Protein backbone atom coordinates (compact mmCIF):
# COMPACT_ATOMS: atom_id res chain seq x y z
CA MET A 1 -0.04 -0.21 0.00
CA TYR A 2 1.74 3.01 -0.77
CA LYS A 3 0.53 6.66 0.33
CA VAL A 4 -0.24 9.26 -2.62
CA ALA A 5 0.18 12.94 -2.10
CA PHE A 6 -0.22 15.87 -4.60
CA ASN A 7 2.22 18.28 -4.88
CA LYS A 8 1.06 21.98 -4.71
CA GLY A 9 1.05 22.16 -8.80
CA ALA A 10 -0.57 18.91 -9.28
CA GLN A 11 -3.31 19.80 -6.88
CA LYS A 12 -4.21 22.59 -8.28
CA GLU A 13 -4.39 21.67 -12.13
CA PHE A 14 -6.63 18.26 -10.76
CA LEU A 15 -9.35 20.78 -8.80
CA VAL A 16 -10.31 23.27 -11.95
CA LEU A 17 -10.89 19.98 -14.29
CA GLU A 18 -14.75 19.15 -14.91
CA LYS A 19 -15.88 16.09 -12.16
CA ASN A 20 -15.92 13.00 -14.32
CA ILE A 21 -12.44 13.81 -15.93
CA GLN A 22 -11.89 14.16 -12.06
CA GLU A 23 -13.49 10.65 -11.11
CA GLN A 24 -11.88 9.41 -13.71
CA LEU A 25 -7.83 10.11 -12.72
CA ALA A 26 -8.88 9.28 -8.72
CA LYS A 27 -9.37 5.43 -10.40
CA LYS A 28 -6.30 5.34 -11.30
CA MET A 29 -5.00 6.71 -8.58
CA VAL A 30 -6.87 4.07 -6.13
CA ASP A 31 -4.12 2.00 -8.98
CA LEU A 32 -1.07 4.15 -8.02
CA GLN A 33 -1.93 3.94 -3.99
CA ASN A 34 -2.44 0.84 -4.32
CA GLY A 35 0.41 -0.09 -5.89
CA ILE A 36 -1.25 -1.41 -9.32
CA PHE A 37 1.93 -0.26 -11.73
CA THR A 38 0.40 -2.30 -14.95
CA GLY A 39 0.93 -0.16 -18.10
CA ASP A 40 3.29 2.62 -16.10
CA LYS A 41 5.37 4.05 -18.48
CA ALA A 42 9.38 5.62 -17.30
CA LEU A 43 9.85 9.15 -18.46
CA LYS A 44 12.90 9.73 -20.34
CA GLY A 45 14.91 13.17 -21.19
CA LYS A 46 13.88 16.20 -18.51
CA HIS A 47 11.44 13.99 -16.53
CA LYS A 48 13.49 10.94 -16.16
CA GLY A 49 12.72 9.14 -12.63
CA LYS A 50 9.24 9.92 -13.01
CA PHE A 51 6.45 7.96 -14.57
CA ARG A 52 2.93 8.62 -16.10
CA LYS A 53 0.04 6.33 -16.08
CA ARG A 54 -2.68 7.09 -18.80
CA ALA A 55 -6.25 8.27 -18.35
CA GLY A 56 -7.90 8.92 -20.62
CA ASP A 57 -6.62 12.11 -22.18
CA TYR A 58 -4.70 12.86 -19.65
CA ARG A 59 -2.09 12.01 -17.74
CA ILE A 60 -0.59 11.75 -14.36
CA VAL A 61 3.06 12.45 -13.71
CA TYR A 62 4.29 10.60 -10.32
CA LEU A 63 7.62 9.70 -8.69
CA LYS A 64 7.25 6.93 -6.88
CA GLU A 65 9.99 6.78 -3.62
CA ASN A 66 10.19 2.95 -3.04
CA SER A 67 11.64 3.86 0.63
CA ILE A 68 9.28 5.18 2.14
CA LEU A 69 6.42 3.95 -0.46
CA VAL A 70 4.95 7.58 -1.27
CA ILE A 71 3.82 8.64 -4.51
CA THR A 72 3.66 12.06 -5.20
CA LEU A 73 1.95 13.03 -8.26
CA VAL A 74 4.17 16.12 -10.33
CA ARG A 75 1.39 17.00 -13.20
CA ILE A 76 -2.23 16.22 -13.97
CA ALA A 77 -2.98 17.36 -17.27
CA HIS A 78 -4.28 16.98 -20.68
CA ARG A 79 -1.95 14.47 -23.06
CA ARG A 80 -1.28 17.20 -25.28
CA GLU A 81 0.22 20.16 -22.64
CA VAL A 82 1.36 17.39 -19.43
CA TYR A 83 5.11 17.23 -21.30
């Protein structure tokens, strides 16, 4: 079981989204909390060390810190603007 935490920027991005998109993203966050990382992809370049989870047309960019079992959500945005 992981703890999922928002950074301030990701929290703001999440709260301005429509409710149905928030619900879709929340389901994916529950997967992260339960340690379900299937289909997630490690990012390259300036985002090296981060991972992304797909949620429809949106992406959740996160850091996984194994030693303390914390997942920090770094960015939540539409796929055309997340990277």
